[in-house]
Structures are given as C-alpha cells and as structure tokens.
Amino acid sequence: MSLDTVQFGEHLIYDAYGCPFEVLNDENLCKKILLDLCDLAGMHALIEPHVIKSDGSIALNGKDPGGFSGFLIIEESHISVHTFIKRGYVTIDLYSCKEFNTQKPLAYLNSVLKPKNADILKMTRGLKYPKENIY
C-alpha cells in the first residue's frame, strides 16, 4: 500500500553578491528586512527579530570575516539573514509550511540590498509528507 502524500512547505533561498558595505553593516536594516519579508510573504511573526553581530574571530579558514546573523521565528516556520559585510555577500532563507508568492519578497530584496548579482532558489520541502497528517 502506498501512502498518499503532499508537499509540506516551500523554501526560498536568496544569495546576493556585491552589496554595498553600508547596507550590510546596518543592524536595524537586518531587523527591518526580517519583518518586511514576513509581511510581504503573508506570514505571522511569533517573536521580535533577533539579530547579533559576529566579528568573525572564530570562523574557519578566514571564510567569514564577520557580519550580522538574524532570525525571525514565524508561525509558518522561520526567516533568516546572514551578512558577510566585508565580502559584500548576504544569504537569506524564508522557509514556510504555507505556500507564498516570491515576487514581492524578491523585488524588495533586490531594491533594499542593491546586489550586483543574486542566486535565487525555490525548493519544495516535505515531498513525502503523509496527507493523513493534514487535518
């Protein structure tokens, strides 16, 4: 007997390159990005965004020269941001068990972060999630 399954969630992965130093070095902007993405994707924040700064002193092989890491726990899952200030690089994840449109969040990120280039991936998660678990 085969299980009847459904997809469980969606995961948007956004990696941006060549972002201005002053954009990535702004703790308040990191918090704003987390909250704005939550709103743009139609999600619901469960806590205030939590953002911390690392100086990169414990990073392996000089790969991470420091930056901000921030998280927002949402009812639907989580949103995260990691800036690598001296590298002009930022990585953002929006994972949700709820389907969402990526157009507004992506346009917003491109506008705010001003990258020279970006990689965008959207993955479907939980491909074998048992349909019987949905009620």
N, C-alpha and C. Protein backbone atom coordinates (compact mmCIF):
# COMPACT_ATOMS: atom_id res chain seq x y z
N MET A 1 0.84 -1.17 0.00
CA MET A 1 0.00 0.00 0.00
C MET A 1 0.90 1.24 0.00
N SER A 2 0.63 2.15 -0.91
CA SER A 2 1.42 3.38 -0.96
C SER A 2 0.73 4.48 -0.18
N LEU A 3 1.53 5.30 0.42
CA LEU A 3 1.00 6.43 1.17
C LEU A 3 0.59 7.55 0.23
N ASP A 4 -0.50 8.20 0.54
CA ASP A 4 -0.92 9.39 -0.19
C ASP A 4 -0.16 10.56 0.45
N THR A 5 0.63 11.29 -0.35
CA THR A 5 1.48 12.34 0.22
C THR A 5 1.18 13.70 -0.39
N VAL A 6 1.62 14.73 0.31
CA VAL A 6 1.51 16.11 -0.15
C VAL A 6 2.82 16.81 0.15
N GLN A 7 3.06 17.94 -0.51
CA GLN A 7 4.24 18.73 -0.16
C GLN A 7 3.96 19.41 1.17
N PHE A 8 5.00 19.60 1.98
CA PHE A 8 4.79 20.19 3.29
C PHE A 8 5.10 21.68 3.31
N GLY A 9 6.12 22.11 2.56
CA GLY A 9 6.50 23.51 2.65
C GLY A 9 7.28 24.00 1.46
N GLU A 10 7.61 25.30 1.52
CA GLU A 10 8.41 25.95 0.49
C GLU A 10 9.58 26.67 1.14
N HIS A 11 10.70 26.69 0.44
CA HIS A 11 11.92 27.29 0.97
C HIS A 11 12.52 28.19 -0.11
N LEU A 12 12.54 29.48 0.15
CA LEU A 12 13.16 30.46 -0.74
C LEU A 12 14.56 30.73 -0.22
N ILE A 13 15.54 30.56 -1.10
CA ILE A 13 16.94 30.80 -0.77
C ILE A 13 17.43 31.91 -1.67
N TYR A 14 17.97 32.97 -1.05
CA TYR A 14 18.41 34.16 -1.78
C TYR A 14 19.84 34.47 -1.36
N ASP A 15 20.76 34.41 -2.29
CA ASP A 15 22.16 34.76 -2.06
C ASP A 15 22.51 35.95 -2.95
N ALA A 16 22.96 37.04 -2.33
CA ALA A 16 23.24 38.27 -3.09
C ALA A 16 24.72 38.63 -2.96
N TYR A 17 25.28 39.07 -4.07
CA TYR A 17 26.71 39.38 -4.17
C TYR A 17 26.89 40.85 -4.57
N GLY A 18 27.97 41.45 -4.09
CA GLY A 18 28.28 42.81 -4.48
C GLY A 18 27.38 43.85 -3.83
N CYS A 19 26.88 43.56 -2.66
CA CYS A 19 26.03 44.51 -1.93
C CYS A 19 26.91 45.58 -1.27
N PRO A 20 26.44 46.82 -1.20
CA PRO A 20 27.23 47.88 -0.57
C PRO A 20 27.52 47.59 0.91
N PHE A 21 28.71 47.95 1.34
CA PHE A 21 29.17 47.77 2.72
C PHE A 21 28.18 48.36 3.71
N GLU A 22 27.75 49.61 3.46
CA GLU A 22 26.87 50.30 4.41
C GLU A 22 25.50 49.63 4.54
N VAL A 23 25.07 48.94 3.51
CA VAL A 23 23.79 48.22 3.57
C VAL A 23 23.92 47.00 4.47
N LEU A 24 24.97 46.23 4.28
CA LEU A 24 25.15 45.00 5.05
C LEU A 24 25.61 45.26 6.48
N ASN A 25 26.12 46.44 6.74
CA ASN A 25 26.63 46.79 8.07
C ASN A 25 25.59 47.54 8.90
N ASP A 26 24.32 47.29 8.66
CA ASP A 26 23.24 48.01 9.32
C ASP A 26 22.35 47.03 10.08
N GLU A 27 22.53 46.97 11.39
CA GLU A 27 21.77 46.03 12.23
C GLU A 27 20.26 46.30 12.14
N ASN A 28 19.88 47.56 12.15
CA ASN A 28 18.45 47.90 12.08
C ASN A 28 17.84 47.49 10.74
N LEU A 29 18.63 47.59 9.67
CA LEU A 29 18.13 47.15 8.37
C LEU A 29 17.92 45.64 8.36
N CYS A 30 18.81 44.90 9.00
CA CYS A 30 18.63 43.44 9.09
C CYS A 30 17.31 43.11 9.78
N LYS A 31 17.00 43.79 10.88
CA LYS A 31 15.73 43.58 11.58
C LYS A 31 14.55 43.94 10.68
N LYS A 32 14.68 45.06 9.98
CA LYS A 32 13.61 45.52 9.10
C LYS A 32 13.37 44.52 7.96
N ILE A 33 14.44 43.99 7.40
CA ILE A 33 14.31 43.00 6.33
C ILE A 33 13.54 41.78 6.81
N LEU A 34 13.86 41.30 8.00
CA LEU A 34 13.16 40.13 8.54
C LEU A 34 11.66 40.41 8.69
N LEU A 35 11.32 41.56 9.26
CA LEU A 35 9.91 41.91 9.46
C LEU A 35 9.19 42.17 8.14
N ASP A 36 9.88 42.86 7.23
CA ASP A 36 9.26 43.17 5.93
C ASP A 36 9.02 41.91 5.12
N LEU A 37 9.96 40.97 5.13
CA LEU A 37 9.76 39.71 4.41
C LEU A 37 8.57 38.94 4.99
N CYS A 38 8.44 38.97 6.29
CA CYS A 38 7.30 38.33 6.94
C CYS A 38 6.00 38.91 6.41
N ASP A 39 5.91 40.22 6.36
CA ASP A 39 4.70 40.88 5.86
C ASP A 39 4.46 40.60 4.38
N LEU A 40 5.52 40.75 3.58
CA LEU A 40 5.38 40.58 2.14
C LEU A 40 4.97 39.15 1.74
N ALA A 41 5.38 38.19 2.54
CA ALA A 41 5.04 36.79 2.25
C ALA A 41 3.73 36.37 2.92
N GLY A 42 3.10 37.28 3.65
CA GLY A 42 1.83 36.97 4.30
C GLY A 42 1.98 36.03 5.49
N MET A 43 3.11 36.15 6.20
CA MET A 43 3.38 35.29 7.35
C MET A 43 3.05 36.02 8.65
N HIS A 44 3.28 35.33 9.77
CA HIS A 44 2.93 35.87 11.08
C HIS A 44 4.09 35.68 12.05
N ALA A 45 4.69 36.77 12.50
CA ALA A 45 5.81 36.72 13.44
C ALA A 45 5.33 36.25 14.81
N LEU A 46 6.13 35.39 15.44
CA LEU A 46 5.83 34.93 16.79
C LEU A 46 6.68 35.64 17.84
N ILE A 47 7.80 36.21 17.40
CA ILE A 47 8.69 36.95 18.30
C ILE A 47 9.23 38.15 17.54
N GLU A 48 9.88 39.04 18.25
CA GLU A 48 10.61 40.13 17.61
C GLU A 48 11.85 39.53 16.93
N PRO A 49 12.34 40.15 15.87
CA PRO A 49 13.55 39.61 15.23
C PRO A 49 14.74 39.68 16.19
N HIS A 50 15.58 38.70 16.11
CA HIS A 50 16.78 38.63 16.93
C HIS A 50 17.99 38.73 15.99
N VAL A 51 18.81 39.76 16.15
CA VAL A 51 19.97 39.98 15.29
C VAL A 51 21.20 40.14 16.18
N ILE A 52 22.27 39.43 15.84
CA ILE A 52 23.52 39.54 16.59
C ILE A 52 24.66 39.78 15.61
N LYS A 53 25.73 40.38 16.12
CA LYS A 53 26.90 40.65 15.27
C LYS A 53 28.06 39.76 15.70
N SER A 54 28.71 39.20 14.72
CA SER A 54 29.91 38.40 14.94
C SER A 54 31.09 39.12 14.31
N ASP A 55 32.22 39.10 14.99
CA ASP A 55 33.41 39.73 14.40
C ASP A 55 34.18 38.76 13.53
N GLY A 56 33.71 37.51 13.45
CA GLY A 56 34.35 36.52 12.58
C GLY A 56 35.60 35.92 13.18
N SER A 57 35.88 36.19 14.45
CA SER A 57 37.13 35.75 15.06
C SER A 57 37.24 34.23 15.20
N ILE A 58 36.12 33.52 15.20
CA ILE A 58 36.19 32.07 15.34
C ILE A 58 35.90 31.34 14.03
N ALA A 59 35.78 32.09 12.96
CA ALA A 59 35.46 31.48 11.66
C ALA A 59 36.63 30.64 11.16
N LEU A 60 36.31 29.59 10.44
CA LEU A 60 37.32 28.70 9.90
C LEU A 60 37.92 29.24 8.61
N ASN A 61 39.22 29.15 8.48
CA ASN A 61 39.94 29.47 7.24
C ASN A 61 39.66 30.86 6.69
N GLY A 62 39.28 31.81 7.52
CA GLY A 62 39.05 33.18 7.05
C GLY A 62 37.86 33.32 6.14
N LYS A 63 37.00 32.33 6.09
CA LYS A 63 35.84 32.35 5.19
C LYS A 63 34.83 33.41 5.61
N ASP A 64 34.68 33.61 6.91
CA ASP A 64 33.68 34.54 7.43
C ASP A 64 34.37 35.68 8.18
N PRO A 65 34.45 36.87 7.57
CA PRO A 65 35.11 38.00 8.24
C PRO A 65 34.19 38.78 9.17
N GLY A 66 33.04 38.24 9.48
CA GLY A 66 32.12 38.89 10.41
C GLY A 66 30.94 39.52 9.72
N GLY A 67 29.90 39.70 10.49
CA GLY A 67 28.67 40.31 9.99
C GLY A 67 27.53 40.06 10.94
N PHE A 68 26.34 40.29 10.48
CA PHE A 68 25.14 40.09 11.29
C PHE A 68 24.46 38.78 10.90
N SER A 69 23.91 38.12 11.92
CA SER A 69 23.04 36.98 11.72
C SER A 69 21.74 37.29 12.43
N GLY A 70 20.64 37.10 11.73
CA GLY A 70 19.35 37.41 12.32
C GLY A 70 18.32 36.35 11.99
N PHE A 71 17.38 36.19 12.92
CA PHE A 71 16.33 35.20 12.77
C PHE A 71 15.00 35.78 13.20
N LEU A 72 13.97 35.34 12.53
CA LEU A 72 12.62 35.66 12.93
C LEU A 72 11.84 34.35 12.90
N ILE A 73 11.35 33.96 14.07
CA ILE A 73 10.52 32.76 14.14
C ILE A 73 9.10 33.18 13.77
N ILE A 74 8.56 32.52 12.77
CA ILE A 74 7.21 32.84 12.31
C ILE A 74 6.31 31.63 12.56
N GLU A 75 5.03 31.87 12.62
CA GLU A 75 4.09 30.78 12.87
C GLU A 75 4.26 29.69 11.82
N GLU A 76 4.61 30.09 10.61
CA GLU A 76 4.74 29.16 9.50
C GLU A 76 6.12 28.51 9.42
N SER A 77 7.13 28.98 10.13
CA SER A 77 8.46 28.40 10.27
C SER A 77 9.50 29.46 10.64
N HIS A 78 10.36 29.91 9.69
CA HIS A 78 11.39 30.89 10.06
C HIS A 78 11.89 31.68 8.85
N ILE A 79 12.52 32.82 9.16
CA ILE A 79 13.22 33.64 8.18
C ILE A 79 14.58 33.94 8.78
N SER A 80 15.64 33.84 7.98
CA SER A 80 16.98 34.14 8.48
C SER A 80 17.74 35.02 7.50
N VAL A 81 18.68 35.77 8.06
CA VAL A 81 19.58 36.61 7.25
C VAL A 81 20.98 36.49 7.84
N HIS A 82 21.97 36.39 6.96
CA HIS A 82 23.38 36.36 7.37
C HIS A 82 24.15 37.29 6.44
N THR A 83 24.75 38.33 7.00
CA THR A 83 25.54 39.24 6.18
C THR A 83 27.02 38.96 6.37
N PHE A 84 27.75 39.06 5.30
CA PHE A 84 29.20 38.94 5.30
C PHE A 84 29.70 40.29 4.78
N ILE A 85 29.78 41.24 5.69
CA ILE A 85 29.91 42.66 5.37
C ILE A 85 31.11 42.94 4.46
N LYS A 86 32.28 42.45 4.83
CA LYS A 86 33.49 42.73 4.06
C LYS A 86 33.51 42.01 2.71
N ARG A 87 32.66 41.03 2.55
CA ARG A 87 32.60 40.27 1.29
C ARG A 87 31.50 40.80 0.37
N GLY A 88 30.64 41.70 0.89
CA GLY A 88 29.53 42.20 0.08
C GLY A 88 28.48 41.14 -0.21
N TYR A 89 28.42 40.14 0.67
CA TYR A 89 27.57 38.97 0.44
C TYR A 89 26.53 38.84 1.55
N VAL A 90 25.33 38.44 1.18
CA VAL A 90 24.27 38.17 2.14
C VAL A 90 23.50 36.94 1.69
N THR A 91 23.10 36.14 2.66
CA THR A 91 22.28 34.97 2.36
C THR A 91 21.02 35.04 3.22
N ILE A 92 19.88 34.79 2.58
CA ILE A 92 18.59 34.91 3.24
C ILE A 92 17.77 33.66 2.93
N ASP A 93 17.11 33.14 3.97
CA ASP A 93 16.22 31.99 3.82
C ASP A 93 14.84 32.36 4.33
N LEU A 94 13.83 31.95 3.59
CA LEU A 94 12.45 32.07 4.04
C LEU A 94 11.84 30.69 3.86
N TYR A 95 11.62 30.02 4.98
CA TYR A 95 11.04 28.67 4.95
C TYR A 95 9.67 28.71 5.58
N SER A 96 8.70 28.10 4.92
CA SER A 96 7.32 28.14 5.39
C SER A 96 6.59 26.86 5.03
N CYS A 97 5.71 26.44 5.93
CA CYS A 97 4.83 25.31 5.60
C CYS A 97 3.63 25.81 4.79
N LYS A 98 3.53 27.12 4.62
CA LYS A 98 2.45 27.75 3.85
C LYS A 98 3.01 28.18 2.49
N GLU A 99 2.25 27.97 1.42
CA GLU A 99 2.67 28.45 0.11
C GLU A 99 2.70 29.97 0.11
N PHE A 100 3.65 30.55 -0.63
CA PHE A 100 3.73 32.01 -0.71
C PHE A 100 4.27 32.43 -2.07
N ASN A 101 3.89 33.63 -2.46
CA ASN A 101 4.35 34.21 -3.71
C ASN A 101 5.71 34.85 -3.48
N THR A 102 6.68 34.59 -4.34
CA THR A 102 8.04 35.10 -4.14
C THR A 102 8.28 36.45 -4.82
N GLN A 103 7.38 36.91 -5.69
CA GLN A 103 7.64 38.11 -6.48
C GLN A 103 7.89 39.35 -5.62
N LYS A 104 7.01 39.64 -4.68
CA LYS A 104 7.19 40.83 -3.84
C LYS A 104 8.42 40.73 -2.94
N PRO A 105 8.64 39.60 -2.24
CA PRO A 105 9.86 39.50 -1.44
C PRO A 105 11.14 39.66 -2.25
N LEU A 106 11.19 39.08 -3.45
CA LEU A 106 12.40 39.18 -4.27
C LEU A 106 12.62 40.60 -4.80
N ALA A 107 11.57 41.25 -5.24
CA ALA A 107 11.69 42.64 -5.69
C ALA A 107 12.17 43.52 -4.55
N TYR A 108 11.63 43.30 -3.37
CA TYR A 108 12.02 44.06 -2.18
C TYR A 108 13.50 43.85 -1.86
N LEU A 109 13.95 42.59 -1.83
CA LEU A 109 15.36 42.30 -1.51
C LEU A 109 16.30 42.94 -2.52
N ASN A 110 15.97 42.85 -3.79
CA ASN A 110 16.82 43.47 -4.81
C ASN A 110 16.89 44.99 -4.64
N SER A 111 15.77 45.58 -4.27
CA SER A 111 15.71 47.03 -4.08
C SER A 111 16.51 47.48 -2.85
N VAL A 112 16.36 46.77 -1.76
CA VAL A 112 16.99 47.16 -0.49
C VAL A 112 18.48 46.82 -0.45
N LEU A 113 18.84 45.64 -0.94
CA LEU A 113 20.23 45.17 -0.82
C LEU A 113 21.13 45.65 -1.94
N LYS A 114 20.55 46.07 -3.05
CA LYS A 114 21.30 46.60 -4.19
C LYS A 114 22.45 45.69 -4.64
N PRO A 115 22.16 44.40 -4.85
CA PRO A 115 23.24 43.49 -5.26
C PRO A 115 23.64 43.69 -6.72
N LYS A 116 24.87 43.32 -7.02
CA LYS A 116 25.31 43.30 -8.41
C LYS A 116 24.83 42.01 -9.08
N ASN A 117 24.60 40.98 -8.26
CA ASN A 117 24.20 39.69 -8.77
C ASN A 117 23.51 38.92 -7.65
N ALA A 118 22.64 37.99 -8.01
CA ALA A 118 21.97 37.18 -6.99
C ALA A 118 21.65 35.79 -7.52
N ASP A 119 21.69 34.82 -6.61
CA ASP A 119 21.23 33.46 -6.89
C ASP A 119 19.92 33.29 -6.15
N ILE A 120 18.93 32.75 -6.82
CA ILE A 120 17.61 32.56 -6.23
C ILE A 120 17.19 31.11 -6.46
N LEU A 121 16.87 30.44 -5.38
CA LEU A 121 16.39 29.06 -5.46
C LEU A 121 15.07 28.97 -4.70
N LYS A 122 14.13 28.24 -5.24
CA LYS A 122 12.90 27.96 -4.50
C LYS A 122 12.72 26.46 -4.51
N MET A 123 12.70 25.91 -3.32
CA MET A 123 12.59 24.46 -3.18
C MET A 123 11.26 24.08 -2.57
N THR A 124 10.77 22.95 -2.97
CA THR A 124 9.59 22.36 -2.34
C THR A 124 10.11 21.39 -1.28
N ARG A 125 9.59 21.53 -0.07
CA ARG A 125 10.05 20.70 1.04
C ARG A 125 8.97 19.68 1.42
N GLY A 126 9.40 18.62 2.05
CA GLY A 126 8.48 17.60 2.55
C GLY A 126 7.70 16.92 1.45
N LEU A 127 8.38 16.46 0.42
CA LEU A 127 7.71 15.87 -0.73
C LEU A 127 6.97 14.58 -0.41
N LYS A 128 7.34 13.94 0.67
CA LYS A 128 6.71 12.67 1.05
C LYS A 128 5.92 12.79 2.34
N TYR A 129 5.45 14.01 2.64
CA TYR A 129 4.69 14.22 3.87
C TYR A 129 3.34 13.51 3.77
N PRO A 130 3.02 12.66 4.75
CA PRO A 130 1.74 11.91 4.68
C PRO A 130 0.52 12.82 4.72
N LYS A 131 -0.31 12.69 3.72
CA LYS A 131 -1.52 13.51 3.62
C LYS A 131 -2.44 13.29 4.83
N GLU A 132 -2.39 12.11 5.39
CA GLU A 132 -3.25 11.79 6.54
C GLU A 132 -2.91 12.65 7.75
N ASN A 133 -1.72 13.25 7.78
CA ASN A 133 -1.34 14.12 8.89
C ASN A 133 -1.94 15.51 8.79
N ILE A 134 -2.55 15.85 7.66
CA ILE A 134 -3.18 17.15 7.46
C ILE A 134 -4.63 17.05 7.92
N TYR A 135 -5.00 17.93 8.81
CA TYR A 135 -6.40 17.94 9.26
C TYR A 135 -6.94 19.34 9.34
